Protein backbone atom coordinates (compact mmCIF):
# COMPACT_ATOMS: atom_id res chain seq x y z
CA MET A 1 64.94 110.98 112.92
CA ALA A 2 66.26 108.37 114.44
CA GLY A 3 62.51 106.57 114.30
CA CYS A 4 62.82 106.71 110.41
CA LEU A 5 66.02 104.78 110.02
CA SER A 6 66.47 100.85 110.35
CA ARG A 7 68.01 99.20 113.15
CA ILE A 8 71.50 98.10 112.65
CA LEU A 9 73.05 95.02 114.29
CA VAL A 10 77.02 94.83 113.90
CA ILE A 11 78.49 91.81 114.09
CA GLY A 12 82.30 91.42 114.58
CA SER A 13 82.02 94.42 116.50
CA THR A 14 85.32 94.87 118.13
CA GLY A 15 87.21 93.52 115.04
CA TYR A 16 89.10 95.63 113.21
CA PHE A 17 86.30 96.77 110.45
CA GLY A 18 83.64 96.28 113.13
CA LYS A 19 84.37 99.08 115.27
CA PHE A 20 83.65 101.26 112.30
CA MET A 21 80.52 99.85 111.00
CA VAL A 22 79.63 100.85 114.69
CA ASP A 23 80.70 104.93 114.85
CA ALA A 24 79.19 104.99 111.27
CA SER A 25 75.71 103.90 112.24
CA VAL A 26 75.29 105.64 115.77
CA ARG A 27 77.20 108.65 113.86
CA LEU A 28 74.50 108.28 111.34
CA GLY A 29 71.47 108.31 113.65
CA HIS A 30 71.03 104.79 113.70
CA PRO A 31 69.89 102.75 116.62
CA THR A 32 72.72 100.55 116.83
CA PHE A 33 73.37 97.10 118.68
CA ALA A 34 76.90 95.71 119.00
CA LEU A 35 77.43 91.68 119.25
CA VAL A 36 79.91 91.21 121.92
CA ARG A 37 81.19 88.35 123.40
CA GLU A 38 81.69 88.36 127.25
CA ASN A 39 85.25 86.55 126.86
CA THR A 40 86.09 89.29 124.44
CA VAL A 41 85.63 92.25 127.45
CA THR A 42 86.70 89.70 130.29
CA SER A 43 90.03 89.02 128.50
CA ASP A 44 91.06 91.56 126.28
CA PRO A 45 91.37 94.99 127.75
CA GLY A 46 91.76 97.29 124.67
CA LYS A 47 88.35 95.57 123.37
CA ALA A 48 87.25 96.20 126.56
CA LYS A 49 88.06 100.03 126.38
CA LEU A 50 86.35 99.97 122.94
CA VAL A 51 83.18 98.54 124.07
CA GLU A 52 82.48 101.52 126.90
CA SER A 53 83.39 103.77 123.47
CA PHE A 54 80.38 102.39 122.21
CA LYS A 55 78.64 102.43 125.04
CA SER A 56 79.52 106.34 125.52
CA ALA A 57 78.32 107.08 122.08
CA GLY A 58 75.01 105.67 122.26
CA ALA A 59 74.80 102.25 120.76
CA ASN A 60 73.35 99.16 122.75
CA ILE A 61 75.45 96.64 123.68
CA ILE A 62 74.47 93.07 123.36
CA TYR A 63 76.49 90.09 125.07
CA GLY A 64 76.35 87.16 122.93
CA ASP A 65 77.43 85.23 119.84
CA ILE A 66 76.19 83.65 117.01
CA TYR A 67 76.31 80.01 118.23
CA ASP A 68 73.55 80.64 120.28
CA LYS A 69 70.70 80.33 117.96
CA GLU A 70 67.94 80.80 120.57
CA LYS A 71 69.47 84.10 121.61
CA LEU A 72 70.70 85.26 118.20
CA LEU A 73 66.77 84.70 117.12
CA VAL A 74 65.42 87.12 119.71
CA ILE A 75 68.53 89.36 118.82
CA LEU A 76 67.65 89.61 115.18
CA LYS A 77 64.19 90.38 116.26
CA GLN A 78 65.32 93.62 117.51
CA VAL A 79 66.86 94.48 114.22
CA ASP A 80 66.40 95.62 110.42
CA VAL A 81 69.69 95.20 109.31
CA VAL A 82 72.41 93.21 109.84
CA ILE A 83 76.16 94.10 108.87
CA CYS A 84 78.62 90.97 109.14
CA THR A 85 82.01 92.17 109.41
CA LEU A 86 83.89 88.51 110.96
CA SER A 87 87.43 88.09 109.56
CA HIS A 88 88.14 86.36 106.81
CA ARG A 89 90.81 85.00 108.25
CA THR A 90 88.46 83.06 111.00
CA PRO A 91 89.19 79.05 109.79
CA HIS A 92 85.55 78.79 110.38
CA LEU A 93 84.37 82.06 108.26
CA TYR A 94 81.70 79.93 105.66
CA GLU A 95 80.14 78.04 108.50
CA ASP A 96 79.44 81.23 110.84
CA GLU A 97 77.86 83.44 107.63
CA VAL A 98 75.90 80.55 106.62
CA MET A 99 74.78 79.94 110.53
CA LEU A 100 73.79 83.73 110.32
CA ILE A 101 72.35 83.67 106.95
CA GLN A 102 69.98 81.00 107.85
CA ALA A 103 69.23 82.86 111.49
CA ILE A 104 67.81 85.34 109.12
CA LYS A 105 66.16 84.00 107.29
CA GLU A 106 64.29 82.23 109.97
CA ALA A 107 63.80 85.45 111.80
CA GLY A 108 62.00 86.65 109.07
CA ASN A 109 62.00 90.43 109.48
CA ILE A 110 65.66 91.22 108.42
CA LYS A 111 64.40 93.84 105.58
CA ARG A 112 68.91 93.70 104.81
CA TYR A 113 71.98 91.69 105.51
CA ILE A 114 75.50 93.15 104.63
CA PRO A 115 78.31 89.96 104.34
CA SER A 116 81.51 89.84 106.15
CA GLU A 117 83.29 91.60 102.69
CA PHE A 118 84.78 95.18 102.22
CA GLY A 119 87.58 94.00 99.87
CA PHE A 120 87.93 93.16 96.06
CA ASP A 121 84.97 91.24 94.68
CA VAL A 122 85.42 87.94 95.15
CA GLU A 123 83.45 86.62 92.48
CA ARG A 124 85.63 88.52 89.54
CA LEU A 125 89.18 88.69 91.44
CA ASP A 126 92.59 87.22 89.83
CA ILE A 127 94.83 86.74 92.85
CA MET A 128 96.96 83.94 93.36
CA GLU A 129 96.91 81.06 95.76
CA PRO A 130 96.23 80.78 98.48
CA ALA A 131 94.15 84.04 98.92
CA LYS A 132 92.52 82.68 95.77
CA SER A 133 90.89 79.67 98.25
CA LEU A 134 90.94 81.86 101.33
CA LEU A 135 88.52 84.92 99.15
CA GLY A 136 86.89 82.38 97.75
CA VAL A 137 85.00 81.42 100.91
CA LYS A 138 83.29 84.75 100.38
CA ALA A 139 82.18 83.97 96.97
CA MET A 140 80.28 80.93 98.36
CA VAL A 141 78.75 83.57 101.18
CA ARG A 142 77.75 85.27 98.47
CA GLN A 143 76.27 82.17 96.37
CA ARG A 144 74.90 81.02 99.67
CA ILE A 145 72.90 84.32 100.31
CA ARG A 146 71.35 84.03 97.26
CA GLU A 147 70.18 80.77 97.62
CA GLU A 148 67.97 81.51 100.94
CA GLY A 149 66.57 84.30 99.50
CA VAL A 150 68.11 86.71 101.98
CA PRO A 151 67.79 90.32 100.69
CA TYR A 152 71.82 91.21 100.80
CA THR A 153 73.81 94.38 99.27
CA ILE A 154 77.33 93.60 98.69
CA VAL A 155 79.75 96.11 99.76
CA CYS A 156 83.45 95.63 97.75
CA GLY A 157 85.58 96.57 94.99
CA LYS A 158 88.63 98.58 97.15
CA LEU A 159 91.43 98.08 99.20
CA ALA A 160 91.59 99.41 103.34
CA ALA A 161 93.67 102.61 103.32
CA ASN A 162 94.79 102.65 106.50
CA TRP A 163 95.05 98.72 107.09
CA TYR A 164 98.67 98.41 105.39
CA PHE A 165 99.30 100.23 102.05
CA LEU A 166 98.88 104.00 102.43
CA PRO A 167 101.29 104.48 105.46
CA LYS A 168 103.88 102.82 103.68
CA VAL A 169 102.79 105.35 100.48
CA GLY A 170 101.86 101.97 98.71
CA GLN A 171 104.73 99.69 99.48
CA VAL A 172 105.12 96.25 100.74
CA GLY A 173 107.60 95.21 103.39
CA ALA A 174 108.49 98.73 104.06
CA SER A 175 107.88 99.94 107.80
CA GLY A 176 107.01 103.71 106.70
CA PRO A 177 106.81 105.99 104.62
CA PRO A 178 110.06 105.68 101.95
CA ILE A 179 112.67 108.26 102.85
CA ASP A 180 115.47 108.41 100.32
CA THR A 181 114.15 105.59 97.61
CA VAL A 182 110.89 103.76 97.30
CA ARG A 183 110.03 100.40 95.70
CA ILE A 184 107.17 100.25 93.08
CA LEU A 185 105.51 96.81 91.95
CA GLY A 186 105.44 96.56 88.11
CA ASP A 187 105.33 99.65 86.15
CA GLY A 188 103.61 102.02 88.83
CA ASN A 189 101.08 102.72 86.45
CA THR A 190 98.12 100.76 87.01
CA LYS A 191 94.86 102.02 89.28
CA VAL A 192 94.38 101.43 92.46
CA VAL A 193 91.24 101.99 94.53
CA LEU A 194 92.31 102.97 98.28
CA VAL A 195 89.43 103.56 100.99
CA LYS A 196 89.53 104.90 104.11
CA GLU A 197 87.96 102.77 106.31
CA GLU A 198 85.53 105.16 108.26
CA ASP A 199 84.44 106.30 104.60
CA THR A 200 84.11 102.52 104.01
CA ALA A 201 81.72 102.15 106.93
CA THR A 202 79.93 105.44 106.02
CA TYR A 203 79.25 104.16 102.67
CA THR A 204 78.26 100.72 103.88
CA VAL A 205 76.03 102.18 106.37
CA LYS A 206 74.51 104.50 103.74
CA ALA A 207 73.43 101.91 101.45
CA ALA A 208 71.57 99.92 104.36
CA ASP A 209 68.34 101.57 103.54
CA ASP A 210 68.55 102.45 100.50
CA PRO A 211 66.52 100.88 97.58
CA ARG A 212 69.11 101.39 94.90
CA THR A 213 71.65 98.72 96.73
CA LEU A 214 68.85 96.00 97.70
CA ASN A 215 70.40 92.54 96.25
CA LYS A 216 73.49 94.50 94.28
CA ILE A 217 76.63 94.84 94.62
CA MET A 218 77.77 98.71 95.81
CA TYR A 219 81.63 99.20 94.61
CA LEU A 220 83.38 101.82 96.32
CA ARG A 221 85.33 103.84 93.59
CA PRO A 222 85.45 107.67 95.22
CA PRO A 223 87.38 109.61 92.86
CA GLY A 224 89.94 110.63 94.67
CA CYS A 225 90.32 107.72 96.00
CA VAL A 226 91.49 106.21 92.79
CA ILE A 227 95.55 106.43 92.10
CA SER A 228 98.74 104.78 90.57
CA HIS A 229 101.65 103.77 92.13
CA ASN A 230 103.70 106.37 90.50
CA GLU A 231 100.65 109.22 90.99
CA MET A 232 101.29 108.47 94.87
CA ILE A 233 104.64 108.97 94.60
CA ASP A 234 104.47 112.30 92.50
CA LEU A 235 101.92 113.19 95.53
CA TRP A 236 104.26 112.56 98.35
CA GLU A 237 107.29 114.13 96.77
CA LYS A 238 105.29 116.96 96.39
CA LYS A 239 104.48 117.45 100.16
CA THR A 240 107.80 116.32 101.20
CA GLY A 241 109.95 118.52 98.76
CA LYS A 242 112.13 115.54 98.22
CA LYS A 243 112.76 113.43 94.93
CA LEU A 244 113.05 109.93 95.67
CA LYS A 245 115.10 107.21 93.64
CA ARG A 246 112.41 105.04 92.00
CA ILE A 247 113.15 101.19 92.17
CA TYR A 248 110.54 99.35 90.24
CA VAL A 249 110.22 95.53 90.92
CA PRO A 250 109.24 93.52 87.79
CA GLU A 251 106.40 91.35 87.82
CA GLU A 252 108.29 88.08 87.72
CA GLU A 253 110.08 89.04 91.29
CA VAL A 254 106.50 89.91 92.92
CA ILE A 255 105.73 86.15 91.76
CA LYS A 256 108.59 85.16 93.44
CA ASN A 257 108.26 86.87 96.67
CA ILE A 258 104.90 85.63 97.19
CA GLN A 259 106.14 82.46 96.49
CA GLU A 260 109.34 82.13 98.33
CA GLY A 261 109.31 85.35 100.47
CA PRO A 262 108.72 85.47 104.05
CA LEU A 263 105.86 84.00 105.56
CA GLU A 264 105.28 87.96 106.72
CA THR A 265 104.82 89.89 103.81
CA ARG A 266 103.91 86.60 101.25
CA GLY A 267 99.82 87.96 101.63
CA SER A 268 101.08 91.25 101.62
CA TYR A 269 102.60 91.21 97.93
CA MET A 270 99.22 88.54 97.40
CA ILE A 271 97.06 91.84 97.54
CA ALA A 272 99.69 93.87 96.12
CA HIS A 273 99.96 92.21 93.06
CA ALA A 274 96.08 91.65 92.60
CA GLY A 275 95.88 95.70 93.10
CA PHE A 276 98.51 97.41 92.21
CA ILE A 277 99.60 95.29 89.11
CA LYS A 278 96.64 92.74 88.48
CA GLY A 279 93.99 96.29 88.29
CA GLN A 280 91.34 93.96 90.71
CA THR A 281 89.68 96.88 91.89
CA MET A 282 89.53 98.67 88.63
CA ILE A 283 87.24 96.19 87.29
CA ASP A 284 84.12 97.09 85.19
CA ILE A 285 81.12 97.43 86.97
CA ASP A 286 77.93 95.29 85.49
CA SER A 287 74.80 98.14 85.77
CA SER A 288 72.97 95.10 86.08
CA ILE A 289 74.15 94.01 89.38
CA GLY A 290 76.45 96.89 90.46
CA VAL A 291 76.32 100.55 91.43
CA GLU A 292 78.97 103.06 93.04
CA ALA A 293 78.99 104.65 96.10
CA SER A 294 80.33 107.69 95.39
CA GLU A 295 77.25 108.26 92.55
CA LEU A 296 74.50 107.05 95.05
CA PHE A 297 75.80 109.13 97.77
CA PRO A 298 77.55 112.71 96.51
CA GLU A 299 76.91 114.07 99.92
CA VAL A 300 79.71 111.83 101.67
CA LYS A 301 82.48 113.75 102.29
CA TYR A 302 85.04 111.12 102.10
CA SER A 303 88.82 111.59 102.31
CA PRO A 304 91.29 111.90 99.08
CA ILE A 305 94.19 110.33 99.15
CA ASP A 306 95.58 113.61 98.85
CA VAL A 307 94.50 114.80 102.22
CA LEU A 308 95.38 111.05 103.44
CA LEU A 309 98.69 111.69 102.43
CA ASP A 310 99.00 114.55 104.54
CA GLY A 311 98.40 112.42 108.14
CA LEU A 312 101.97 110.52 107.22
CA LEU A 313 103.65 114.02 106.92
CA PRO A 314 106.53 114.69 109.94
CA VAL A 315 104.30 117.11 112.71
CA ASN A 316 106.72 120.78 113.66
CA ASP A 317 106.75 121.38 116.64
């Protein structure tokens, strides 16, 4: 079976999304290659352990980086699909991805490039600064991919469930699930898409070989992952058997928190404002360039929000 599947290279394999991509690729039977910098293994015990887990699972570890063009071209000749998971926080993300795109074009054998996205649709995003400029770099990468004529699939249209919002049941600035009161941004009725990171990776790897996703934007919008904050709190109250006092934070106060609040929460407020108030994960899908993952791959057993919330409940001894 593995012989019929694409050989997948994951760039940024030890990062937040990279590890999920490696795991999904191996699990779905693809010959999997993880690009790892040698100093990552020698300087970070946690990532060294992660690399060992990749090896145990059957992934091929390739030591190197994208800056060694000669070696990168050799690596690219060994694979069919490249999934990039470099962090958008990297100040030189655009230059790094362009370097990678140009190497892919020169190699000439790559059937699909999946750029580092997995969040909002950056070309249609209404979000406050500086997040708009930061994420706008990804829109520039998209344009460069098209200009270079590299075959691609873009995966986006949701927020990562476990990264921030789900463990806090949708709140910003909280340390965990609500106990007595819950702060809800806006009126709490805007729908938002929260997809488990493992499921994002599964859909991404499934798309790698599918002709229906070639040169398309694939939005992740499984029905069980679409929810409003009020609906999420309703579920939480039902699971805990405890009624919460709901404090609704008007948009004006949210914007003030973005502009004047502590630096450590401004970014989360920007993302929450775009997702939970402006509805930026629920934009219309243009069928001429976009497809929806759960419709293409109904066989994927994703984790709905209802189930993910169960994981936050206290364990009874």
